[in-house]
C-alpha atoms as a PDB file:
ATOM      1  CA  UNK A   1     -20.778  -8.433 -19.577  1.00  0.00           C
ATOM      2  CA  UNK A   2     -18.474 -10.084 -16.910  1.00  0.00           C
ATOM      3  CA  UNK A   3     -15.800 -12.717 -17.517  1.00  0.00           C
ATOM      4  CA  UNK A   4     -17.277 -16.376 -17.669  1.00  0.00           C
ATOM      5  CA  UNK A   5     -16.868 -18.617 -14.652  1.00  0.00           C
ATOM      6  CA  UNK A   6     -15.811 -22.216 -14.564  1.00  0.00           C
ATOM      7  CA  UNK A   7     -18.496 -24.247 -12.624  1.00  0.00           C
ATOM      8  CA  UNK A   8     -17.895 -28.032 -12.222  1.00  0.00           C
ATOM      9  CA  UNK A   9     -20.978 -30.127 -12.551  1.00  0.00           C
ATOM     10  CA  UNK A  10     -21.896 -32.018  -9.418  1.00  0.00           C
ATOM     11  CA  UNK A  11     -23.239 -34.960 -11.367  1.00  0.00           C
ATOM     12  CA  UNK A  12     -20.593 -35.685 -14.114  1.00  0.00           C
ATOM     13  CA  UNK A  13     -17.874 -33.463 -12.756  1.00  0.00           C
ATOM     14  CA  UNK A  14     -17.310 -31.770 -16.166  1.00  0.00           C
ATOM     15  CA  UNK A  15     -16.175 -28.150 -16.222  1.00  0.00           C
ATOM     16  CA  UNK A  16     -18.635 -25.634 -17.680  1.00  0.00           C
ATOM     17  CA  UNK A  17     -18.093 -21.959 -18.696  1.00  0.00           C
ATOM     18  CA  UNK A  18     -20.990 -19.901 -17.682  1.00  0.00           C
ATOM     19  CA  UNK A  19     -21.467 -16.086 -17.503  1.00  0.00           C
ATOM     20  CA  UNK A  20     -21.370 -14.874 -13.898  1.00  0.00           C
ATOM     21  CA  UNK A  21     -24.686 -13.008 -14.289  1.00  0.00           C
ATOM     22  CA  UNK A  22     -26.375 -16.427 -15.243  1.00  0.00           C
ATOM     23  CA  UNK A  23     -25.289 -18.393 -12.217  1.00  0.00           C
ATOM     24  CA  UNK A  24     -28.663 -18.289 -10.626  1.00  0.00           C
ATOM     25  CA  UNK A  25     -30.670 -18.831 -13.853  1.00  0.00           C
ATOM     26  CA  UNK A  26     -30.979 -22.585 -13.534  1.00  0.00           C
ATOM     27  CA  UNK A  27     -28.041 -23.396 -15.714  1.00  0.00           C
ATOM     28  CA  UNK A  28     -27.522 -26.894 -16.941  1.00  0.00           C
ATOM     29  CA  UNK A  29     -24.286 -28.968 -17.572  1.00  0.00           C
ATOM     30  CA  UNK A  30     -23.203 -28.844 -21.149  1.00  0.00           C
ATOM     31  CA  UNK A  31     -22.193 -32.602 -20.895  1.00  0.00           C
ATOM     32  CA  UNK A  32     -24.800 -34.430 -18.953  1.00  0.00           C
ATOM     33  CA  UNK A  33     -27.598 -31.647 -19.008  1.00  0.00           C
ATOM     34  CA  UNK A  34     -28.144 -31.859 -15.264  1.00  0.00           C
ATOM     35  CA  UNK A  35     -28.639 -28.679 -13.198  1.00  0.00           C
ATOM     36  CA  UNK A  36     -25.466 -27.159 -12.034  1.00  0.00           C
ATOM     37  CA  UNK A  37     -26.930 -25.946  -8.716  1.00  0.00           C
ATOM     38  CA  UNK A  38     -29.456 -27.913  -6.777  1.00  0.00           C
ATOM     39  CA  UNK A  39     -29.155 -26.471  -3.339  1.00  0.00           C
ATOM     40  CA  UNK A  40     -27.614 -29.814  -2.064  1.00  0.00           C
ATOM     41  CA  UNK A  41     -24.051 -30.585  -0.961  1.00  0.00           C
ATOM     42  CA  UNK A  42     -21.972 -32.382  -3.407  1.00  0.00           C
ATOM     43  CA  UNK A  43     -20.300 -35.850  -2.288  1.00  0.00           C
ATOM     44  CA  UNK A  44     -16.668 -35.545  -3.059  1.00  0.00           C
ATOM     45  CA  UNK A  45     -14.088 -38.444  -3.101  1.00  0.00           C
ATOM     46  CA  UNK A  46     -10.404 -38.570  -4.163  1.00  0.00           C
ATOM     47  CA  UNK A  47     -11.416 -39.135  -7.798  1.00  0.00           C
ATOM     48  CA  UNK A  48     -13.382 -36.002  -8.137  1.00  0.00           C
ATOM     49  CA  UNK A  49     -11.951 -33.729  -5.278  1.00  0.00           C
ATOM     50  CA  UNK A  50      -9.268 -31.897  -7.254  1.00  0.00           C
ATOM     51  CA  UNK A  51     -11.496 -31.102 -10.305  1.00  0.00           C
ATOM     52  CA  UNK A  52     -14.061 -29.408  -7.916  1.00  0.00           C
ATOM     53  CA  UNK A  53     -11.468 -27.501  -5.792  1.00  0.00           C
ATOM     54  CA  UNK A  54      -8.959 -26.813  -8.486  1.00  0.00           C
ATOM     55  CA  UNK A  55     -11.075 -26.080 -11.466  1.00  0.00           C
ATOM     56  CA  UNK A  56     -14.058 -24.211 -10.091  1.00  0.00           C
ATOM     57  CA  UNK A  57     -14.136 -20.475  -9.959  1.00  0.00           C
ATOM     58  CA  UNK A  58     -16.894 -20.845  -7.424  1.00  0.00           C
ATOM     59  CA  UNK A  59     -15.495 -21.020  -3.891  1.00  0.00           C
ATOM     60  CA  UNK A  60     -16.136 -24.543  -2.391  1.00  0.00           C
ATOM     61  CA  UNK A  61     -16.935 -25.246   1.251  1.00  0.00           C
ATOM     62  CA  UNK A  62     -16.060 -28.817   2.198  1.00  0.00           C
ATOM     63  CA  UNK A  63     -17.436 -30.449   5.341  1.00  0.00           C
ATOM     64  CA  UNK A  64     -14.998 -33.235   6.493  1.00  0.00           C
ATOM     65  CA  UNK A  65     -17.037 -35.627   8.371  1.00  0.00           C
ATOM     66  CA  UNK A  66     -17.640 -39.383   9.303  1.00  0.00           C
ATOM     67  CA  UNK A  67     -20.776 -41.455   9.891  1.00  0.00           C
ATOM     68  CA  UNK A  68     -19.858 -42.533  13.382  1.00  0.00           C
ATOM     69  CA  UNK A  69     -19.329 -38.914  14.556  1.00  0.00           C
ATOM     70  CA  UNK A  70     -22.349 -37.557  16.506  1.00  0.00           C
ATOM     71  CA  UNK A  71     -21.649 -33.844  16.046  1.00  0.00           C
ATOM     72  CA  UNK A  72     -21.172 -34.453  12.264  1.00  0.00           C
ATOM     73  CA  UNK A  73     -24.635 -36.036  12.149  1.00  0.00           C
ATOM     74  CA  UNK A  74     -26.136 -33.137  14.164  1.00  0.00           C
ATOM     75  CA  UNK A  75     -24.709 -30.607  11.737  1.00  0.00           C
ATOM     76  CA  UNK A  76     -25.647 -32.439   8.515  1.00  0.00           C
ATOM     77  CA  UNK A  77     -29.179 -30.791   8.309  1.00  0.00           C
ATOM     78  CA  UNK A  78     -27.609 -27.442   8.963  1.00  0.00           C
ATOM     79  CA  UNK A  79     -25.039 -27.935   6.316  1.00  0.00           C
ATOM     80  CA  UNK A  80     -27.831 -29.002   3.870  1.00  0.00           C
ATOM     81  CA  UNK A  81     -29.877 -25.828   4.775  1.00  0.00           C
ATOM     82  CA  UNK A  82     -26.735 -23.709   4.235  1.00  0.00           C
ATOM     83  CA  UNK A  83     -26.317 -25.111   0.754  1.00  0.00           C
ATOM     84  CA  UNK A  84     -29.667 -23.972  -0.219  1.00  0.00           C
ATOM     85  CA  UNK A  85     -28.856 -20.428   1.080  1.00  0.00           C
ATOM     86  CA  UNK A  86     -25.243 -20.162  -0.230  1.00  0.00           C
ATOM     87  CA  UNK A  87     -25.476 -21.620  -3.909  1.00  0.00           C
ATOM     88  CA  UNK A  88     -24.759 -20.464  -6.476  1.00  0.00           C
ATOM     89  CA  UNK A  89     -22.325 -18.030  -4.735  1.00  0.00           C
ATOM     90  CA  UNK A  90     -20.552 -20.990  -3.068  1.00  0.00           C
ATOM     91  CA  UNK A  91     -20.558 -24.716  -3.765  1.00  0.00           C
ATOM     92  CA  UNK A  92     -21.050 -26.911  -0.668  1.00  0.00           C
ATOM     93  CA  UNK A  93     -19.416 -30.327  -0.542  1.00  0.00           C
ATOM     94  CA  UNK A  94     -18.933 -33.228   1.800  1.00  0.00           C
ATOM     95  CA  UNK A  95     -16.029 -35.565   2.258  1.00  0.00           C
ATOM     96  CA  UNK A  96     -16.504 -38.698   4.352  1.00  0.00           C
ATOM     97  CA  UNK A  97     -13.213 -39.187   6.210  1.00  0.00           C
ATOM     98  CA  UNK A  98     -13.786 -42.799   6.824  1.00  0.00           C
ATOM     99  CA  UNK A  99     -14.018 -43.594   3.133  1.00  0.00           C
ATOM    100  CA  UNK A 100     -11.442 -40.884   2.088  1.00  0.00           C
ATOM    101  CA  UNK A 101      -8.738 -41.200   4.688  1.00  0.00           C
ATOM    102  CA  UNK A 102      -5.972 -39.975   2.281  1.00  0.00           C
ATOM    103  CA  UNK A 103      -7.976 -36.741   1.582  1.00  0.00           C
ATOM    104  CA  UNK A 104      -8.313 -36.281   5.410  1.00  0.00           C
ATOM    105  CA  UNK A 105      -4.596 -36.848   5.829  1.00  0.00           C
ATOM    106  CA  UNK A 106      -3.670 -34.525   2.938  1.00  0.00           C
ATOM    107  CA  UNK A 107      -5.470 -31.566   4.441  1.00  0.00           C
ATOM    108  CA  UNK A 108      -4.487 -32.451   8.145  1.00  0.00           C
ATOM    109  CA  UNK A 109      -7.899 -33.016   9.451  1.00  0.00           C
ATOM    110  CA  UNK A 110      -7.518 -33.750  13.058  1.00  0.00           C
ATOM    111  CA  UNK A 111     -11.033 -33.356  14.318  1.00  0.00           C
ATOM    112  CA  UNK A 112     -14.462 -33.703  12.735  1.00  0.00           C
ATOM    113  CA  UNK A 113     -16.472 -31.945  11.714  1.00  0.00           C
ATOM    114  CA  UNK A 114     -14.069 -29.474   9.997  1.00  0.00           C
ATOM    115  CA  UNK A 115     -15.118 -27.078   7.597  1.00  0.00           C
ATOM    116  CA  UNK A 116     -12.578 -25.963   5.016  1.00  0.00           C
ATOM    117  CA  UNK A 117     -13.177 -23.220   2.419  1.00  0.00           C
ATOM    118  CA  UNK A 118     -11.320 -23.406  -0.901  1.00  0.00           C
ATOM    119  CA  UNK A 119     -10.981 -20.596  -3.451  1.00  0.00           C
ATOM    120  CA  UNK A 120      -8.888 -21.059  -6.609  1.00  0.00           C
ATOM    121  CA  UNK A 121      -7.607 -24.464  -5.525  1.00  0.00           C
ATOM    122  CA  UNK A 122      -6.276 -23.159  -2.088  1.00  0.00           C
ATOM    123  CA  UNK A 123      -7.679 -23.509   1.294  1.00  0.00           C
ATOM    124  CA  UNK A 124      -8.443 -19.887   2.699  1.00  0.00           C
ATOM    125  CA  UNK A 125     -10.354 -20.602   5.870  1.00  0.00           C
ATOM    126  CA  UNK A 126     -10.931 -23.385   8.340  1.00  0.00           C
ATOM    127  CA  UNK A 127     -13.690 -23.857  11.134  1.00  0.00           C
ATOM    128  CA  UNK A 128     -13.578 -26.840  13.506  1.00  0.00           C
ATOM    129  CA  UNK A 129     -16.751 -28.123  15.252  1.00  0.00           C
ATOM    130  CA  UNK A 130     -20.396 -28.224  14.576  1.00  0.00           C
ATOM    131  CA  UNK A 131     -22.207 -24.951  13.988  1.00  0.00           C
ATOM    132  CA  UNK A 132     -25.769 -24.089  13.224  1.00  0.00           C
ATOM    133  CA  UNK A 133     -27.105 -22.979   9.741  1.00  0.00           C
ATOM    134  CA  UNK A 134     -27.047 -19.227  10.562  1.00  0.00           C
ATOM    135  CA  UNK A 135     -23.603 -19.238  12.035  1.00  0.00           C
ATOM    136  CA  UNK A 136     -22.373 -21.247   9.111  1.00  0.00           C
ATOM    137  CA  UNK A 137     -23.889 -18.989   6.498  1.00  0.00           C
ATOM    138  CA  UNK A 138     -22.462 -15.953   8.410  1.00  0.00           C
ATOM    139  CA  UNK A 139     -19.061 -17.499   8.728  1.00  0.00           C
ATOM    140  CA  UNK A 140     -18.753 -18.248   4.913  1.00  0.00           C
ATOM    141  CA  UNK A 141     -19.977 -14.957   3.873  1.00  0.00           C
ATOM    142  CA  UNK A 142     -17.552 -13.211   6.148  1.00  0.00           C
ATOM    143  CA  UNK A 143     -14.635 -15.080   4.198  1.00  0.00           C
ATOM    144  CA  UNK A 144     -15.132 -13.148   0.981  1.00  0.00           C
END
């Protein structure tokens, strides 16, 4: 049996300890009872960003975007499809840089969309510009 992993709930943001071999078994949050993986990106804000990035043992791919950005809107369906393909191996999340300007500044986001992959609380890879689902999934999986 492998070491348990910490998985942060996308709904109540509580940390859950889960055996690695049970990630794909439809696990639910011990606090709010919601599913830990829904195949949809999680909306992050300053209030919950650090709990997801810093506490999760699952790598987190963040899409820094803005509602007025055409390429961001074009890539949104591809990002959602990638969430279905990459969970539970990766958590996908979105940060609206219009609403979360301090987060965008903290990570030096200069253009959008920008994808940043975090592992163990640290950024390990970055990709600027809109990409399709297949390219996104391939890029993320190549970052292991």
